[in-house]
Amino acid sequence: MEDELNDIQLACFSLGDKLFAVDIMRIREILLPQKLSSLPRASELLDGVINLRGSVIPVMNMRKRFSMPAEEHIKTGKLLIVSLAKQMLALMVDDVMEVITVPARDIKPPILLSSDVGMEYLVGVCLSSERVFMILNVDSLLGSSDLPLSNHISKSTK
């Protein structure tokens, strides 16, 4: 029983050949891509917003967040709706794969190298079925340059 309390469930997704994971306690929904509405002066990382049952949710393109090229052959991706401290954010990813359970003791800190773009957005890495998953810190995804937009959106949805 004590071991179960120390296990973390992670939803795994891919961006090209890179594998990522998010704590499932932070995920509200997984959706197929929807029609986006654009916003004036939006951050270059945000592709727009969606209307999800009356809530306006910004959509962050995770390929842009990690400075990855756009993939033309990916016809459909997925939107992971995650909870941040003050709002929700939709993460546009290539594919959602599976949910894995990992003992907390098996999560290792990320290796921070100055040349690795995006490593500052990770809380750790883990191994599952011989694959390495990078675990996202979803609270760090919106930077200070994105905050005016996120403040505007959170106020407009109240």
Protein backbone atom coordinates (compact mmCIF):
# COMPACT_ATOMS: atom_id res chain seq x y z
CA MET A 1 0.00 0.00 0.00
CA GLU A 2 2.81 2.42 0.89
CA ASP A 3 4.46 1.75 -2.50
CA GLU A 4 1.21 2.66 -4.27
CA LEU A 5 1.27 6.06 -2.55
CA ASN A 6 4.75 6.65 -3.95
CA ASP A 7 3.78 5.75 -7.53
CA ILE A 8 3.06 8.48 -10.05
CA GLN A 9 0.86 8.02 -13.09
CA LEU A 10 2.07 9.83 -16.19
CA ALA A 11 0.33 10.42 -19.52
CA CYS A 12 2.90 9.95 -22.26
CA PHE A 13 3.00 11.83 -25.55
CA SER A 14 5.36 12.29 -28.46
CA LEU A 15 6.80 15.18 -30.38
CA GLY A 16 8.53 13.56 -33.32
CA ASP A 17 10.87 10.94 -31.90
CA LYS A 18 11.03 12.62 -28.48
CA LEU A 19 8.94 11.18 -25.64
CA PHE A 20 7.39 13.31 -22.89
CA ALA A 21 5.10 12.74 -19.93
CA VAL A 22 2.77 14.81 -17.74
CA ASP A 23 1.38 13.91 -14.32
CA ILE A 24 -2.18 12.74 -15.02
CA MET A 25 -3.42 14.71 -12.02
CA ARG A 26 -2.73 17.87 -14.07
CA ILE A 27 -4.66 16.69 -17.16
CA ARG A 28 -8.32 17.64 -17.52
CA GLU A 29 -9.00 16.21 -20.98
CA ILE A 30 -7.43 14.92 -24.16
CA LEU A 31 -9.03 16.23 -27.35
CA LEU A 32 -8.65 16.07 -31.08
CA PRO A 33 -7.50 19.41 -32.53
CA GLN A 34 -10.22 22.00 -32.82
CA LYS A 35 -10.71 25.19 -34.77
CA LEU A 36 -8.50 27.87 -33.28
CA SER A 37 -9.31 31.54 -32.91
CA SER A 38 -6.38 33.89 -33.14
CA LEU A 39 -5.59 36.67 -30.71
CA PRO A 40 -3.93 40.00 -31.45
CA ARG A 41 -0.39 40.31 -30.11
CA ALA A 42 -0.34 36.68 -29.06
CA SER A 43 2.90 35.00 -28.04
CA GLU A 44 4.63 33.19 -30.90
CA LEU A 45 4.29 29.98 -28.86
CA LEU A 46 0.51 30.19 -28.76
CA ASP A 47 -1.33 29.18 -31.92
CA GLY A 48 -4.58 30.71 -30.68
CA VAL A 49 -7.41 29.80 -28.32
CA ILE A 50 -10.21 27.26 -28.26
CA ASN A 51 -13.66 27.49 -26.74
CA LEU A 52 -14.17 24.47 -24.51
CA ARG A 53 -17.70 24.46 -23.11
CA GLY A 54 -17.66 28.22 -22.61
CA SER A 55 -14.06 28.50 -21.36
CA VAL A 56 -11.46 30.22 -23.50
CA ILE A 57 -8.25 28.17 -23.37
CA PRO A 58 -4.93 29.20 -24.98
CA VAL A 59 -3.29 26.56 -27.19
CA MET A 60 0.49 26.20 -26.94
CA ASN A 61 2.27 24.47 -29.79
CA MET A 62 4.75 22.24 -27.99
CA ARG A 63 6.92 21.92 -31.09
CA LYS A 64 7.46 25.70 -30.95
CA ARG A 65 8.08 25.59 -27.18
CA PHE A 66 10.94 23.14 -27.77
CA SER A 67 12.21 24.88 -30.96
CA MET A 68 11.32 21.87 -33.11
CA PRO A 69 10.40 22.16 -36.78
CA ALA A 70 6.76 21.82 -37.82
CA GLU A 71 5.90 18.39 -39.18
CA GLU A 72 3.95 18.44 -42.42
CA HIS A 73 3.11 14.72 -42.42
CA ILE A 74 1.26 14.83 -39.09
CA LYS A 75 -2.37 15.24 -40.09
CA THR A 76 -3.88 15.11 -36.64
CA GLY A 77 -2.33 15.70 -33.30
CA LYS A 78 -3.90 15.87 -29.88
CA LEU A 79 -4.63 18.60 -27.39
CA LEU A 80 -3.79 17.89 -23.75
CA ILE A 81 -5.84 20.23 -21.56
CA VAL A 82 -3.76 20.81 -18.43
CA SER A 83 -4.40 22.78 -15.24
CA LEU A 84 -1.98 25.53 -14.35
CA ALA A 85 -2.06 27.53 -11.13
CA LYS A 86 -4.60 30.11 -12.39
CA GLN A 87 -5.94 28.78 -15.68
CA MET A 88 -6.03 25.91 -18.14
CA LEU A 89 -3.70 25.50 -21.11
CA ALA A 90 -4.04 23.26 -24.16
CA LEU A 91 -0.79 21.60 -25.23
CA MET A 92 -0.68 20.71 -28.93
CA VAL A 93 1.29 17.46 -29.27
CA ASP A 94 1.88 14.97 -32.09
CA ASP A 95 0.28 11.98 -30.34
CA VAL A 96 -0.82 10.78 -26.91
CA MET A 97 0.45 7.28 -26.35
CA GLU A 98 -0.34 5.69 -22.99
CA VAL A 99 -0.50 6.10 -19.23
CA ILE A 100 2.38 4.62 -17.26
CA THR A 101 2.88 4.15 -13.52
CA VAL A 102 6.35 4.98 -12.25
CA PRO A 103 7.69 4.71 -8.69
CA ALA A 104 8.60 8.23 -7.53
CA ARG A 105 12.05 6.97 -6.52
CA ASP A 106 12.74 6.06 -10.18
CA ILE A 107 12.29 9.64 -11.42
CA LYS A 108 15.69 11.24 -11.96
CA PRO A 109 16.44 14.97 -12.24
CA PRO A 110 16.87 16.25 -15.81
CA ILE A 111 20.41 16.72 -17.06
CA LEU A 112 20.75 20.46 -17.59
CA LEU A 113 23.08 21.27 -20.46
CA SER A 114 23.27 24.80 -21.80
CA SER A 115 22.76 23.62 -25.40
CA ASP A 116 19.60 21.61 -24.66
CA VAL A 117 16.64 23.80 -25.58
CA GLY A 118 13.68 23.16 -23.33
CA MET A 119 15.41 21.34 -20.50
CA GLU A 120 14.27 24.10 -18.13
CA TYR A 121 10.67 22.92 -18.68
CA LEU A 122 11.33 19.48 -17.21
CA VAL A 123 11.00 18.19 -13.67
CA GLY A 124 12.66 14.89 -14.36
CA VAL A 125 13.14 11.87 -16.56
CA CYS A 126 12.03 8.28 -16.14
CA LEU A 127 12.47 4.94 -17.84
CA SER A 128 9.54 2.73 -18.83
CA SER A 129 9.69 -0.30 -21.14
CA GLU A 130 13.21 0.62 -22.22
CA ARG A 131 12.07 4.12 -23.27
CA VAL A 132 13.13 7.40 -21.67
CA PHE A 133 10.34 9.90 -20.98
CA MET A 134 11.00 13.55 -20.16
CA ILE A 135 8.52 14.72 -17.49
CA LEU A 136 7.16 18.23 -18.06
CA ASN A 137 6.80 20.93 -15.46
CA VAL A 138 3.57 22.36 -16.91
CA ASP A 139 3.73 25.42 -14.64
CA SER A 140 6.95 26.56 -16.32
CA LEU A 141 5.64 26.43 -19.90
CA LEU A 142 4.24 29.97 -19.96
CA GLY A 143 7.13 32.40 -19.68
CA SER A 144 7.07 36.00 -18.53
CA SER A 145 6.52 37.20 -22.11
CA ASP A 146 3.37 35.05 -22.25
CA LEU A 147 1.97 36.29 -18.93
CA PRO A 148 0.14 39.39 -20.24
CA LEU A 149 -1.78 37.14 -22.61
CA SER A 150 -2.54 34.58 -19.91
CA ASN A 151 -3.70 37.32 -17.53
CA HIS A 152 -5.98 38.72 -20.24
CA ILE A 153 -7.48 35.31 -20.93
CA SER A 154 -8.04 34.37 -17.30
CA LYS A 155 -9.78 37.68 -16.62
CA SER A 156 -12.00 37.39 -19.68
CA THR A 157 -13.26 33.95 -18.65
CA LYS A 158 -14.40 34.93 -15.16
